[in-house]
């Protein structure tokens, strides 16, 4: 299994380190030739609008979208969650998503940079201890289709919001597990999404 980490913008290096820590030698990908050569893709956190626009500029957008729709295992964290959503609530001008999960996501749902926070999450499929979620200008899932499995939620002001979901071969988290030193979400991606 050759896993690529989309290296157009964002914290792709941290994802490569996380995968290396669980024994997976991931490669940074940013050309069509590199993307065609991988078996699975990680889309990192960063600026979802910038990643979307760069993917279009480098003629990668349709290729990535097609590969995801044809079953390539894909994991998107934070900005990556926005990019694997079928729909974005109030997208930035010129922003599109690759698709992959039948959900509507809300960008910057928890607020601005100063509203960033951490929380311990019950994550379906990962045993104790709880998964530490680092939320930085993070999205949440506004709504999702019947085939989307909610893996983790956050409670905010009495409302519960999905922050980790999967549908088929696509996984998404609103938070950054690559920043915590706990690589169980990456292991979950490799063992539960990539190998089934």
N, C-alpha and C. Protein backbone atom coordinates (compact mmCIF):
# COMPACT_ATOMS: atom_id res chain seq x y z
N UNK A 1 0.86 -1.19 0.00
CA UNK A 1 0.00 0.00 0.00
C UNK A 1 0.89 1.23 0.00
N UNK A 2 0.78 2.02 -1.06
CA UNK A 2 1.58 3.24 -1.20
C UNK A 2 0.68 4.42 -0.86
N UNK A 3 0.95 5.06 0.29
CA UNK A 3 0.12 6.18 0.74
C UNK A 3 0.80 7.50 0.41
N UNK A 4 0.05 8.39 -0.22
CA UNK A 4 0.55 9.72 -0.53
C UNK A 4 -0.08 10.75 0.38
N UNK A 5 0.65 11.79 0.69
CA UNK A 5 0.12 12.92 1.46
C UNK A 5 0.15 14.13 0.54
N UNK A 6 -1.01 14.73 0.30
CA UNK A 6 -1.11 15.85 -0.62
C UNK A 6 -0.28 17.02 -0.09
N UNK A 7 0.70 17.44 -0.86
CA UNK A 7 1.71 18.40 -0.38
C UNK A 7 1.62 19.73 -1.10
N UNK A 8 0.42 20.20 -1.36
CA UNK A 8 0.25 21.50 -2.01
C UNK A 8 0.36 22.65 -1.00
N UNK A 9 -0.12 22.41 0.22
CA UNK A 9 -0.12 23.43 1.27
C UNK A 9 -0.56 22.75 2.56
N UNK A 10 -0.21 23.33 3.70
CA UNK A 10 -0.68 22.78 4.96
C UNK A 10 0.35 21.92 5.67
N UNK A 11 -0.11 21.16 6.67
CA UNK A 11 0.82 20.42 7.53
C UNK A 11 1.05 18.98 7.05
N UNK A 12 1.37 18.85 5.78
CA UNK A 12 1.58 17.52 5.21
C UNK A 12 2.76 16.81 5.84
N UNK A 13 3.80 17.53 6.24
CA UNK A 13 4.97 16.89 6.86
C UNK A 13 4.60 16.17 8.15
N UNK A 14 3.74 16.79 8.95
CA UNK A 14 3.32 16.19 10.21
C UNK A 14 2.57 14.87 9.97
N UNK A 15 1.78 14.80 8.92
CA UNK A 15 1.09 13.54 8.59
C UNK A 15 2.11 12.49 8.15
N UNK A 16 3.12 12.89 7.42
CA UNK A 16 4.15 11.93 7.00
C UNK A 16 4.89 11.38 8.21
N UNK A 17 5.17 12.23 9.19
CA UNK A 17 5.82 11.78 10.42
C UNK A 17 4.91 10.82 11.18
N UNK A 18 3.63 11.16 11.28
CA UNK A 18 2.67 10.30 11.99
C UNK A 18 2.60 8.92 11.34
N UNK A 19 2.55 8.88 10.02
CA UNK A 19 2.50 7.60 9.32
C UNK A 19 3.80 6.83 9.50
N UNK A 20 4.92 7.53 9.47
CA UNK A 20 6.21 6.88 9.69
C UNK A 20 6.28 6.25 11.08
N UNK A 21 5.67 6.91 12.07
CA UNK A 21 5.67 6.41 13.45
C UNK A 21 4.92 5.09 13.58
N UNK A 22 3.98 4.83 12.66
CA UNK A 22 3.27 3.53 12.70
C UNK A 22 3.79 2.58 11.61
N UNK A 23 4.96 2.92 11.07
CA UNK A 23 5.62 2.01 10.15
C UNK A 23 5.24 2.14 8.69
N UNK A 24 4.60 3.26 8.33
CA UNK A 24 4.18 3.47 6.94
C UNK A 24 5.05 4.57 6.32
N UNK A 25 5.76 4.24 5.26
CA UNK A 25 6.59 5.22 4.57
C UNK A 25 5.78 5.95 3.52
N UNK A 26 5.10 7.02 3.93
CA UNK A 26 4.27 7.80 3.00
C UNK A 26 5.15 8.69 2.13
N UNK A 27 4.59 9.11 1.00
CA UNK A 27 5.30 10.00 0.09
C UNK A 27 4.50 11.29 -0.09
N UNK A 28 5.20 12.40 -0.22
CA UNK A 28 4.55 13.68 -0.53
C UNK A 28 4.18 13.68 -2.01
N UNK A 29 2.95 14.05 -2.32
CA UNK A 29 2.50 14.07 -3.71
C UNK A 29 1.98 15.45 -4.08
N UNK A 30 2.39 15.92 -5.28
CA UNK A 30 1.88 17.21 -5.78
C UNK A 30 1.87 17.28 -7.29
N UNK A 31 2.08 16.17 -7.97
CA UNK A 31 1.96 16.13 -9.43
C UNK A 31 0.99 15.02 -9.82
N UNK A 32 0.48 15.12 -11.04
CA UNK A 32 -0.45 14.09 -11.52
C UNK A 32 0.22 12.72 -11.53
N UNK A 33 1.48 12.67 -11.96
CA UNK A 33 2.19 11.39 -12.02
C UNK A 33 2.31 10.76 -10.63
N UNK A 34 2.58 11.59 -9.62
CA UNK A 34 2.69 11.08 -8.25
C UNK A 34 1.35 10.61 -7.72
N UNK A 35 0.30 11.32 -8.05
CA UNK A 35 -1.03 10.96 -7.55
C UNK A 35 -1.54 9.69 -8.23
N UNK A 36 -1.23 9.50 -9.50
CA UNK A 36 -1.62 8.27 -10.19
C UNK A 36 -0.92 7.05 -9.59
N UNK A 37 0.28 7.26 -9.04
CA UNK A 37 1.10 6.14 -8.56
C UNK A 37 0.76 5.68 -7.14
N UNK A 38 -0.12 6.40 -6.42
CA UNK A 38 -0.41 6.01 -5.03
C UNK A 38 -1.66 5.16 -4.94
N UNK A 39 -1.79 4.47 -3.80
CA UNK A 39 -2.96 3.62 -3.54
C UNK A 39 -3.94 4.27 -2.58
N UNK A 40 -3.47 5.24 -1.79
CA UNK A 40 -4.31 5.93 -0.81
C UNK A 40 -3.77 7.34 -0.63
N UNK A 41 -4.64 8.24 -0.13
CA UNK A 41 -4.28 9.66 -0.04
C UNK A 41 -4.67 10.24 1.31
N UNK A 42 -3.79 11.05 1.87
CA UNK A 42 -4.10 11.86 3.05
C UNK A 42 -4.11 13.32 2.61
N UNK A 43 -5.20 14.02 2.95
CA UNK A 43 -5.31 15.45 2.65
C UNK A 43 -5.17 16.19 3.98
N UNK A 44 -4.12 16.98 4.14
CA UNK A 44 -3.81 17.57 5.45
C UNK A 44 -4.65 18.78 5.78
N UNK A 45 -4.46 19.25 7.02
CA UNK A 45 -5.01 20.53 7.42
C UNK A 45 -4.22 21.65 6.76
N UNK A 46 -4.79 22.81 6.76
CA UNK A 46 -4.20 23.99 6.12
C UNK A 46 -5.32 24.93 5.75
N UNK A 47 -5.24 25.51 4.59
CA UNK A 47 -6.29 26.40 4.09
C UNK A 47 -7.03 25.67 2.97
N UNK A 48 -8.26 25.26 3.25
CA UNK A 48 -9.01 24.46 2.26
C UNK A 48 -9.19 25.21 0.95
N UNK A 49 -9.42 26.52 1.02
CA UNK A 49 -9.59 27.31 -0.20
C UNK A 49 -8.31 27.30 -1.02
N UNK A 50 -7.17 27.47 -0.36
CA UNK A 50 -5.87 27.48 -1.05
C UNK A 50 -5.58 26.13 -1.68
N UNK A 51 -5.82 25.06 -0.93
CA UNK A 51 -5.56 23.71 -1.47
C UNK A 51 -6.43 23.47 -2.69
N UNK A 52 -7.71 23.84 -2.60
CA UNK A 52 -8.63 23.68 -3.73
C UNK A 52 -8.15 24.45 -4.96
N UNK A 53 -7.76 25.71 -4.76
CA UNK A 53 -7.32 26.53 -5.89
C UNK A 53 -6.00 26.03 -6.48
N UNK A 54 -5.07 25.59 -5.62
CA UNK A 54 -3.80 25.06 -6.13
C UNK A 54 -4.03 23.76 -6.90
N UNK A 55 -4.93 22.91 -6.41
CA UNK A 55 -5.23 21.67 -7.12
C UNK A 55 -5.76 21.97 -8.52
N UNK A 56 -6.56 23.02 -8.64
CA UNK A 56 -7.06 23.42 -9.96
C UNK A 56 -5.94 23.99 -10.81
N UNK A 57 -5.12 24.84 -10.21
CA UNK A 57 -4.01 25.47 -10.96
C UNK A 57 -3.05 24.45 -11.53
N UNK A 58 -2.81 23.37 -10.77
CA UNK A 58 -1.87 22.34 -11.21
C UNK A 58 -2.56 21.18 -11.93
N UNK A 59 -3.84 21.40 -12.33
CA UNK A 59 -4.62 20.39 -13.06
C UNK A 59 -4.69 19.06 -12.31
N UNK A 60 -4.86 19.14 -10.99
CA UNK A 60 -4.96 17.94 -10.16
C UNK A 60 -6.37 17.72 -9.62
N UNK A 61 -7.19 18.76 -9.68
CA UNK A 61 -8.48 18.71 -8.99
C UNK A 61 -9.34 17.55 -9.48
N UNK A 62 -9.55 17.47 -10.80
CA UNK A 62 -10.41 16.41 -11.34
C UNK A 62 -9.81 15.04 -11.12
N UNK A 63 -8.48 14.93 -11.23
CA UNK A 63 -7.81 13.64 -11.02
C UNK A 63 -8.06 13.16 -9.59
N UNK A 64 -7.85 14.03 -8.61
CA UNK A 64 -8.06 13.63 -7.21
C UNK A 64 -9.52 13.27 -6.97
N UNK A 65 -10.42 14.10 -7.47
CA UNK A 65 -11.85 13.85 -7.31
C UNK A 65 -12.25 12.51 -7.92
N UNK A 66 -11.74 12.23 -9.12
CA UNK A 66 -12.07 10.96 -9.79
C UNK A 66 -11.50 9.77 -9.03
N UNK A 67 -10.28 9.89 -8.54
CA UNK A 67 -9.67 8.78 -7.80
C UNK A 67 -10.45 8.49 -6.52
N UNK A 68 -10.88 9.55 -5.83
CA UNK A 68 -11.68 9.34 -4.61
C UNK A 68 -13.01 8.67 -4.97
N UNK A 69 -13.68 9.17 -6.00
CA UNK A 69 -14.99 8.61 -6.37
C UNK A 69 -14.87 7.18 -6.87
N UNK A 70 -13.69 6.79 -7.35
CA UNK A 70 -13.47 5.42 -7.82
C UNK A 70 -12.91 4.51 -6.73
N UNK A 71 -12.93 4.98 -5.47
CA UNK A 71 -12.63 4.08 -4.36
C UNK A 71 -11.25 4.16 -3.75
N UNK A 72 -10.45 5.18 -4.11
CA UNK A 72 -9.15 5.30 -3.47
C UNK A 72 -9.34 5.65 -2.00
N UNK A 73 -8.77 4.87 -1.06
CA UNK A 73 -8.87 5.23 0.35
C UNK A 73 -8.29 6.61 0.58
N UNK A 74 -9.05 7.45 1.30
CA UNK A 74 -8.66 8.84 1.50
C UNK A 74 -8.98 9.26 2.92
N UNK A 75 -8.06 10.01 3.52
CA UNK A 75 -8.28 10.58 4.86
C UNK A 75 -8.03 12.08 4.80
N UNK A 76 -9.02 12.86 5.21
CA UNK A 76 -8.87 14.31 5.27
C UNK A 76 -9.00 14.82 6.69
N UNK A 77 -8.01 15.61 7.15
CA UNK A 77 -8.09 16.20 8.49
C UNK A 77 -8.25 17.71 8.37
N UNK A 78 -9.18 18.27 9.14
CA UNK A 78 -9.48 19.70 9.20
C UNK A 78 -9.80 20.25 7.80
N UNK A 79 -8.89 20.96 7.16
CA UNK A 79 -9.14 21.41 5.78
C UNK A 79 -9.46 20.22 4.88
N UNK A 80 -8.80 19.09 5.16
CA UNK A 80 -9.06 17.87 4.40
C UNK A 80 -10.49 17.39 4.55
N UNK A 81 -11.08 17.58 5.75
CA UNK A 81 -12.49 17.22 5.93
C UNK A 81 -13.37 18.05 5.00
N UNK A 82 -13.08 19.34 4.92
CA UNK A 82 -13.85 20.22 4.03
C UNK A 82 -13.71 19.75 2.58
N UNK A 83 -12.50 19.34 2.21
CA UNK A 83 -12.24 18.97 0.82
C UNK A 83 -12.82 17.63 0.42
N UNK A 84 -13.14 16.75 1.37
CA UNK A 84 -13.78 15.47 1.01
C UNK A 84 -15.29 15.51 1.21
N UNK A 85 -15.83 16.67 1.59
CA UNK A 85 -17.28 16.81 1.74
C UNK A 85 -17.95 16.94 0.38
N UNK A 86 -19.16 16.43 0.31
CA UNK A 86 -19.95 16.60 -0.91
C UNK A 86 -20.36 18.06 -1.07
N UNK A 87 -20.57 18.75 0.06
CA UNK A 87 -21.04 20.13 0.00
C UNK A 87 -20.43 20.94 1.14
N UNK A 88 -20.13 22.22 0.86
CA UNK A 88 -19.58 23.14 1.85
C UNK A 88 -20.61 24.24 2.10
N UNK A 89 -20.95 24.44 3.37
CA UNK A 89 -21.86 25.53 3.71
C UNK A 89 -21.09 26.85 3.61
N UNK A 90 -21.63 27.79 2.86
CA UNK A 90 -20.99 29.10 2.67
C UNK A 90 -19.53 28.98 2.24
N UNK A 91 -19.27 28.35 1.10
CA UNK A 91 -17.88 28.21 0.65
C UNK A 91 -17.27 29.57 0.30
N UNK A 92 -15.96 29.65 0.40
CA UNK A 92 -15.26 30.85 -0.05
C UNK A 92 -15.39 30.95 -1.57
N UNK A 93 -15.19 32.13 -2.09
CA UNK A 93 -15.28 32.33 -3.54
C UNK A 93 -14.31 31.42 -4.27
N UNK A 94 -14.82 30.67 -5.24
CA UNK A 94 -13.98 29.79 -6.04
C UNK A 94 -13.60 28.49 -5.36
N UNK A 95 -14.18 28.22 -4.19
CA UNK A 95 -13.82 27.00 -3.46
C UNK A 95 -14.72 25.85 -3.86
N UNK A 96 -14.10 24.72 -4.17
CA UNK A 96 -14.82 23.49 -4.46
C UNK A 96 -14.23 22.39 -3.60
N UNK A 97 -14.93 21.27 -3.55
CA UNK A 97 -14.42 20.12 -2.81
C UNK A 97 -14.30 18.93 -3.75
N UNK A 98 -13.42 18.00 -3.38
CA UNK A 98 -13.22 16.79 -4.18
C UNK A 98 -14.41 15.85 -4.05
N UNK A 99 -15.11 15.93 -2.94
CA UNK A 99 -16.19 15.00 -2.65
C UNK A 99 -15.66 13.70 -2.06
N UNK A 100 -16.56 12.81 -1.75
CA UNK A 100 -16.18 11.53 -1.17
C UNK A 100 -17.08 11.11 -0.03
N UNK A 101 -17.55 12.08 0.76
CA UNK A 101 -18.47 11.79 1.86
C UNK A 101 -19.73 12.63 1.67
N UNK A 102 -20.87 11.98 1.78
CA UNK A 102 -22.17 12.63 1.61
C UNK A 102 -22.47 13.45 2.87
N UNK A 103 -21.88 14.62 2.94
CA UNK A 103 -22.08 15.48 4.11
C UNK A 103 -21.96 16.94 3.70
N UNK A 104 -22.55 17.78 4.54
CA UNK A 104 -22.39 19.23 4.43
C UNK A 104 -21.51 19.65 5.61
N UNK A 105 -20.41 20.34 5.32
CA UNK A 105 -19.54 20.82 6.39
C UNK A 105 -19.61 22.34 6.50
N UNK A 106 -19.41 22.80 7.71
CA UNK A 106 -19.37 24.24 7.97
C UNK A 106 -17.93 24.62 8.27
N UNK A 107 -17.37 25.52 7.47
CA UNK A 107 -15.99 25.98 7.68
C UNK A 107 -15.90 26.85 8.93
N UNK A 108 -14.74 26.80 9.60
CA UNK A 108 -14.50 27.63 10.79
C UNK A 108 -15.69 27.60 11.76
N UNK A 109 -16.25 26.41 11.92
CA UNK A 109 -17.50 26.27 12.67
C UNK A 109 -17.37 26.66 14.13
N UNK A 110 -16.21 26.42 14.72
CA UNK A 110 -16.03 26.70 16.14
C UNK A 110 -15.56 28.13 16.39
N UNK A 111 -15.30 28.88 15.34
CA UNK A 111 -14.87 30.26 15.50
C UNK A 111 -13.52 30.51 14.85
N UNK A 112 -12.92 31.62 15.25
CA UNK A 112 -11.66 32.06 14.67
C UNK A 112 -10.47 31.36 15.31
N UNK A 113 -9.28 31.74 14.91
CA UNK A 113 -8.04 31.16 15.44
C UNK A 113 -7.99 31.21 16.97
N UNK A 114 -8.44 32.32 17.55
CA UNK A 114 -8.40 32.48 19.01
C UNK A 114 -9.35 31.52 19.72
N UNK A 115 -10.28 30.94 18.98
CA UNK A 115 -11.24 30.00 19.56
C UNK A 115 -10.78 28.55 19.44
N UNK A 116 -9.56 28.35 19.00
CA UNK A 116 -9.01 26.99 18.90
C UNK A 116 -9.00 26.35 20.29
N UNK A 117 -9.16 25.03 20.31
CA UNK A 117 -9.25 24.33 21.60
C UNK A 117 -8.86 22.86 21.41
N UNK A 118 -8.75 22.17 22.53
CA UNK A 118 -8.49 20.73 22.54
C UNK A 118 -9.58 20.04 23.34
N UNK A 119 -9.90 18.80 22.97
CA UNK A 119 -10.93 18.04 23.68
C UNK A 119 -10.60 16.56 23.59
N UNK A 120 -10.98 15.81 24.62
CA UNK A 120 -10.83 14.36 24.61
C UNK A 120 -12.10 13.75 24.04
N UNK A 121 -11.95 12.90 23.03
CA UNK A 121 -13.08 12.39 22.26
C UNK A 121 -13.23 10.88 22.37
N UNK A 122 -14.48 10.44 22.51
CA UNK A 122 -14.79 9.03 22.30
C UNK A 122 -14.83 8.81 20.80
N UNK A 123 -13.97 7.93 20.30
CA UNK A 123 -13.84 7.70 18.86
C UNK A 123 -14.22 6.24 18.58
N UNK A 124 -15.31 6.04 17.89
CA UNK A 124 -15.80 4.69 17.60
C UNK A 124 -14.73 3.91 16.83
N UNK A 125 -14.34 2.74 17.38
CA UNK A 125 -13.34 1.92 16.72
C UNK A 125 -11.95 2.08 17.30
N UNK A 126 -11.78 3.05 18.22
CA UNK A 126 -10.50 3.24 18.90
C UNK A 126 -10.77 3.13 20.40
N UNK A 127 -10.07 2.22 21.05
CA UNK A 127 -10.31 1.97 22.46
C UNK A 127 -9.64 3.03 23.33
N UNK A 128 -9.89 2.94 24.63
CA UNK A 128 -9.31 3.89 25.60
C UNK A 128 -7.79 3.93 25.49
N UNK A 129 -7.15 5.03 25.83
CA UNK A 129 -7.77 6.26 26.31
C UNK A 129 -8.45 7.03 25.18
N UNK A 130 -9.20 8.07 25.56
CA UNK A 130 -9.88 8.88 24.56
C UNK A 130 -8.87 9.52 23.61
N UNK A 131 -9.35 9.86 22.43
CA UNK A 131 -8.51 10.51 21.41
C UNK A 131 -8.50 12.01 21.70
N UNK A 132 -7.31 12.58 21.75
CA UNK A 132 -7.18 14.03 21.96
C UNK A 132 -7.36 14.74 20.63
N UNK A 133 -8.36 15.60 20.58
CA UNK A 133 -8.62 16.36 19.36
C UNK A 133 -8.11 17.77 19.48
N UNK A 134 -7.28 18.19 18.53
CA UNK A 134 -6.80 19.57 18.46
C UNK A 134 -7.59 20.27 17.36
N UNK A 135 -8.38 21.25 17.74
CA UNK A 135 -9.28 21.95 16.82
C UNK A 135 -8.74 23.35 16.56
N UNK A 136 -8.33 23.61 15.32
CA UNK A 136 -7.77 24.91 14.94
C UNK A 136 -8.58 25.46 13.76
N UNK A 137 -9.39 26.47 14.03
CA UNK A 137 -10.30 27.00 12.99
C UNK A 137 -11.00 25.85 12.27
N UNK A 138 -11.52 24.94 13.06
CA UNK A 138 -11.98 23.65 12.54
C UNK A 138 -13.40 23.72 11.99
N UNK A 139 -13.70 22.80 11.06
CA UNK A 139 -15.07 22.63 10.59
C UNK A 139 -15.83 21.68 11.52
N UNK A 140 -17.12 21.57 11.29
CA UNK A 140 -17.89 20.45 11.83
C UNK A 140 -18.86 20.01 10.76
N UNK A 141 -19.50 18.87 10.98
CA UNK A 141 -20.46 18.32 10.03
C UNK A 141 -21.84 18.87 10.38
N UNK A 142 -22.41 19.61 9.45
CA UNK A 142 -23.76 20.16 9.65
C UNK A 142 -24.82 19.07 9.46
N UNK A 143 -24.64 18.26 8.44
CA UNK A 143 -25.58 17.17 8.17
C UNK A 143 -24.86 16.13 7.33
N UNK A 144 -25.36 14.89 7.40
CA UNK A 144 -24.75 13.84 6.59
C UNK A 144 -25.79 12.83 6.13
N UNK A 145 -25.45 12.13 5.07
CA UNK A 145 -26.34 11.15 4.47
C UNK A 145 -26.44 9.88 5.29
N UNK A 146 -27.37 8.99 4.91
CA UNK A 146 -27.65 7.78 5.70
C UNK A 146 -26.51 6.77 5.73
N UNK A 147 -25.59 6.84 4.77
CA UNK A 147 -24.49 5.87 4.73
C UNK A 147 -23.22 6.38 5.41
N UNK A 148 -23.30 7.56 6.00
CA UNK A 148 -22.15 8.14 6.69
C UNK A 148 -22.17 7.69 8.15
N UNK A 149 -21.06 7.14 8.61
CA UNK A 149 -20.94 6.69 10.00
C UNK A 149 -20.25 7.79 10.81
N UNK A 150 -20.89 8.24 11.87
CA UNK A 150 -20.30 9.23 12.77
C UNK A 150 -19.42 8.50 13.77
N UNK A 151 -18.14 8.88 13.82
CA UNK A 151 -17.17 8.21 14.69
C UNK A 151 -16.90 8.99 15.97
N UNK A 152 -17.06 10.31 15.95
CA UNK A 152 -16.82 11.14 17.14
C UNK A 152 -17.63 12.42 17.03
N UNK A 153 -18.03 12.93 18.20
CA UNK A 153 -18.81 14.18 18.26
C UNK A 153 -18.22 15.09 19.34
N UNK A 154 -18.53 16.39 19.22
CA UNK A 154 -18.19 17.37 20.24
C UNK A 154 -19.48 18.06 20.66
N UNK A 155 -19.62 18.26 21.96
CA UNK A 155 -20.78 18.96 22.51
C UNK A 155 -20.43 20.42 22.71
N UNK A 156 -21.18 21.31 22.07
CA UNK A 156 -20.97 22.75 22.19
C UNK A 156 -22.30 23.41 22.51
N UNK A 157 -22.37 24.05 23.68
CA UNK A 157 -23.57 24.79 24.09
C UNK A 157 -24.84 23.96 23.94
N UNK A 158 -24.76 22.69 24.37
CA UNK A 158 -25.92 21.81 24.35
C UNK A 158 -26.21 21.16 23.01
N UNK A 159 -25.41 21.45 22.00
CA UNK A 159 -25.59 20.84 20.69
C UNK A 159 -24.43 19.92 20.37
N UNK A 160 -24.74 18.77 19.78
CA UNK A 160 -23.73 17.78 19.44
C UNK A 160 -23.39 17.89 17.96
N UNK A 161 -22.10 17.98 17.65
CA UNK A 161 -21.66 18.13 16.27
C UNK A 161 -20.67 17.03 15.91
N UNK A 162 -20.92 16.29 14.80
CA UNK A 162 -19.96 15.29 14.36
C UNK A 162 -18.63 15.93 13.95
N UNK A 163 -17.53 15.33 14.43
CA UNK A 163 -16.19 15.85 14.11
C UNK A 163 -15.28 14.75 13.55
N UNK A 164 -15.80 13.52 13.44
CA UNK A 164 -15.08 12.45 12.76
C UNK A 164 -16.13 11.55 12.11
N UNK A 165 -15.96 11.31 10.81
CA UNK A 165 -16.93 10.52 10.06
C UNK A 165 -16.21 9.66 9.02
N UNK A 166 -16.93 8.65 8.57
CA UNK A 166 -16.41 7.87 7.45
C UNK A 166 -17.57 7.42 6.57
N UNK A 167 -17.29 7.28 5.30
CA UNK A 167 -18.23 6.68 4.37
C UNK A 167 -17.42 5.85 3.39
N UNK A 168 -17.63 4.56 3.42
CA UNK A 168 -16.87 3.67 2.54
C UNK A 168 -15.38 3.80 2.79
N UNK A 169 -14.66 4.20 1.76
CA UNK A 169 -13.20 4.28 1.81
C UNK A 169 -12.68 5.67 2.18
N UNK A 170 -13.57 6.53 2.66
CA UNK A 170 -13.15 7.90 2.98
C UNK A 170 -13.39 8.19 4.46
N UNK A 171 -12.35 8.71 5.12
CA UNK A 171 -12.37 9.08 6.52
C UNK A 171 -12.11 10.58 6.63
N UNK A 172 -12.75 11.25 7.58
CA UNK A 172 -12.49 12.67 7.78
C UNK A 172 -12.59 13.01 9.26
N UNK A 173 -11.66 13.87 9.71
CA UNK A 173 -11.73 14.41 11.06
C UNK A 173 -11.63 15.93 10.99
N UNK A 174 -12.36 16.60 11.89
CA UNK A 174 -12.30 18.06 11.96
C UNK A 174 -11.05 18.51 12.71
N UNK A 175 -10.43 17.58 13.41
CA UNK A 175 -9.28 17.90 14.27
C UNK A 175 -7.99 17.36 13.67
N UNK A 176 -6.88 17.63 14.36
CA UNK A 176 -5.54 17.32 13.88
C UNK A 176 -4.86 16.24 14.74
N UNK A 177 -5.08 14.98 14.49
CA UNK A 177 -4.39 13.96 15.29
C UNK A 177 -2.88 13.92 15.04
N UNK A 178 -2.44 14.46 13.93
CA UNK A 178 -1.01 14.46 13.60
C UNK A 178 -0.21 15.38 14.51
N UNK A 179 -0.90 16.23 15.30
CA UNK A 179 -0.20 17.19 16.16
C UNK A 179 -0.08 16.72 17.61
N UNK A 180 -0.59 15.54 17.94
CA UNK A 180 -0.70 15.14 19.34
C UNK A 180 0.32 14.10 19.80
N UNK A 181 0.98 13.43 18.88
CA UNK A 181 1.84 12.32 19.28
C UNK A 181 1.08 11.02 19.47
N UNK A 182 -0.24 11.06 19.31
CA UNK A 182 -1.09 9.87 19.37
C UNK A 182 -1.53 9.56 17.95
N UNK A 183 -1.03 8.46 17.42
CA UNK A 183 -1.23 8.18 15.99
C UNK A 183 -2.26 7.08 15.74
N UNK A 184 -3.19 6.91 16.70
CA UNK A 184 -4.20 5.86 16.54
C UNK A 184 -5.20 6.16 15.42
N UNK A 185 -5.46 7.42 15.13
CA UNK A 185 -6.36 7.73 14.01
C UNK A 185 -5.69 7.35 12.69
N UNK A 186 -4.40 7.60 12.57
CA UNK A 186 -3.68 7.18 11.37
C UNK A 186 -3.66 5.65 11.26
N UNK A 187 -3.46 4.98 12.39
CA UNK A 187 -3.50 3.51 12.36
C UNK A 187 -4.89 3.02 11.96
N UNK A 188 -5.93 3.68 12.47
CA UNK A 188 -7.30 3.34 12.09
C UNK A 188 -7.48 3.48 10.58
N UNK A 189 -6.96 4.57 10.01
CA UNK A 189 -7.07 4.78 8.56
C UNK A 189 -6.39 3.63 7.81
N UNK A 190 -5.18 3.30 8.22
CA UNK A 190 -4.43 2.25 7.52
C UNK A 190 -5.09 0.89 7.69
N UNK A 191 -5.51 0.57 8.90
CA UNK A 191 -6.01 -0.78 9.18
C UNK A 191 -7.48 -0.98 8.84
N UNK A 192 -8.29 0.07 9.00
CA UNK A 192 -9.74 -0.08 8.81
C UNK A 192 -10.21 0.44 7.44
N UNK A 193 -9.55 1.42 6.90
CA UNK A 193 -10.01 2.02 5.64
C UNK A 193 -9.21 1.47 4.46
N UNK A 194 -7.89 1.47 4.59
CA UNK A 194 -7.04 1.09 3.46
C UNK A 194 -7.05 -0.41 3.18
N UNK A 195 -7.21 -1.23 4.19
CA UNK A 195 -7.03 -2.67 4.00
C UNK A 195 -8.33 -3.45 3.88
N UNK A 196 -9.45 -2.76 3.73
CA UNK A 196 -10.71 -3.50 3.61
C UNK A 196 -11.25 -3.42 2.20
